[in-house]
Amino acid sequence: MQQTPPTHPGDEAAPGTPGTGEDICPRCRGSGIIDGDRECPDCGGTGKIVEGIGGG
């Protein structure tokens, strides 16, 4: 059984949702770290978020 990756507060949708894609987390700018030593809560320390793509 395939397990779904976790979502984080900065994600707009679950990973793999049609019409979404990965982007660099705007809060930590892709580092996964804020305030010099804390894990970014928006991306869970990954440096990436899932957001909607395209226009509409």
C-alpha atoms as a PDB file:
ATOM      1  CA  MET A   1       0.000   0.000   0.000  1.00  0.00           C
ATOM      2  CA  GLN A   2       1.419   3.387  -1.019  1.00  0.00           C
ATOM      3  CA  GLN A   3       1.559   5.975   1.731  1.00  0.00           C
ATOM      4  CA  THR A   4       0.616   9.606   1.022  1.00  0.00           C
ATOM      5  CA  PRO A   5       3.302  12.146   1.958  1.00  0.00           C
ATOM      6  CA  PRO A   6       2.290  14.417   4.852  1.00  0.00           C
ATOM      7  CA  THR A   7       0.884  17.880   4.259  1.00  0.00           C
ATOM      8  CA  HIS A   8       2.246  20.968   5.985  1.00  0.00           C
ATOM      9  CA  PRO A   9       0.569  24.273   6.931  1.00  0.00           C
ATOM     10  CA  GLY A  10       2.065  26.015   3.876  1.00  0.00           C
ATOM     11  CA  ASP A  11       0.607  23.462   1.440  1.00  0.00           C
ATOM     12  CA  GLU A  12      -2.477  24.411  -0.546  1.00  0.00           C
ATOM     13  CA  ALA A  13      -3.232  20.732  -1.276  1.00  0.00           C
ATOM     14  CA  ALA A  14      -1.919  17.235  -0.659  1.00  0.00           C
ATOM     15  CA  PRO A  15       1.107  16.156  -2.711  1.00  0.00           C
ATOM     16  CA  GLY A  16       0.039  14.586  -6.003  1.00  0.00           C
ATOM     17  CA  THR A  17      -3.242  16.481  -6.235  1.00  0.00           C
ATOM     18  CA  PRO A  18      -4.028  17.236  -9.906  1.00  0.00           C
ATOM     19  CA  GLY A  19      -3.400  20.888 -10.781  1.00  0.00           C
ATOM     20  CA  THR A  20      -0.694  21.339  -8.136  1.00  0.00           C
ATOM     21  CA  GLY A  21       3.082  21.273  -8.027  1.00  0.00           C
ATOM     22  CA  GLU A  22       6.016  21.791  -5.699  1.00  0.00           C
ATOM     23  CA  ASP A  23       7.467  25.241  -5.180  1.00  0.00           C
ATOM     24  CA  ILE A  24      10.046  26.758  -2.878  1.00  0.00           C
ATOM     25  CA  CYS A  25       8.628  27.718   0.497  1.00  0.00           C
ATOM     26  CA  PRO A  26       8.280  31.510   0.611  1.00  0.00           C
ATOM     27  CA  ARG A  27       8.720  31.702   4.379  1.00  0.00           C
ATOM     28  CA  CYS A  28      12.160  30.036   4.601  1.00  0.00           C
ATOM     29  CA  ARG A  29      13.077  30.610   0.927  1.00  0.00           C
ATOM     30  CA  GLY A  30      13.762  26.919   0.437  1.00  0.00           C
ATOM     31  CA  SER A  31      16.190  26.412   3.309  1.00  0.00           C
ATOM     32  CA  GLY A  32      13.756  24.623   5.636  1.00  0.00           C
ATOM     33  CA  ILE A  33      15.112  26.757   8.503  1.00  0.00           C
ATOM     34  CA  ILE A  34      13.874  30.035  10.017  1.00  0.00           C
ATOM     35  CA  ASP A  35      15.363  32.236  12.714  1.00  0.00           C
ATOM     36  CA  GLY A  36      18.762  30.624  12.138  1.00  0.00           C
ATOM     37  CA  ASP A  37      18.038  27.296  13.794  1.00  0.00           C
ATOM     38  CA  ARG A  38      14.310  26.453  13.836  1.00  0.00           C
ATOM     39  CA  GLU A  39      12.531  24.124  11.414  1.00  0.00           C
ATOM     40  CA  CYS A  40      10.183  26.108   9.194  1.00  0.00           C
ATOM     41  CA  PRO A  41       6.617  25.323  10.280  1.00  0.00           C
ATOM     42  CA  ASP A  42       5.137  26.128   6.857  1.00  0.00           C
ATOM     43  CA  CYS A  43       7.082  23.450   4.960  1.00  0.00           C
ATOM     44  CA  GLY A  44       7.990  21.119   7.818  1.00  0.00           C
ATOM     45  CA  GLY A  45      11.687  21.684   7.163  1.00  0.00           C
ATOM     46  CA  THR A  46      11.597  20.405   3.585  1.00  0.00           C
ATOM     47  CA  GLY A  47      12.001  23.814   1.935  1.00  0.00           C
ATOM     48  CA  LYS A  48       9.137  22.969  -0.430  1.00  0.00           C
ATOM     49  CA  ILE A  49       5.378  23.533  -0.450  1.00  0.00           C
ATOM     50  CA  VAL A  50       2.602  22.223  -2.704  1.00  0.00           C
ATOM     51  CA  GLU A  51       0.559  24.890  -4.442  1.00  0.00           C
ATOM     52  CA  GLY A  52      -1.899  25.294  -7.256  1.00  0.00           C
ATOM     53  CA  ILE A  53      -0.490  25.852 -10.734  1.00  0.00           C
ATOM     54  CA  GLY A  54      -1.957  27.472 -13.792  1.00  0.00           C
ATOM     55  CA  GLY A  55      -4.520  30.197 -14.030  1.00  0.00           C
ATOM     56  CA  GLY A  56      -8.161  30.258 -13.739  1.00  0.00           C
END
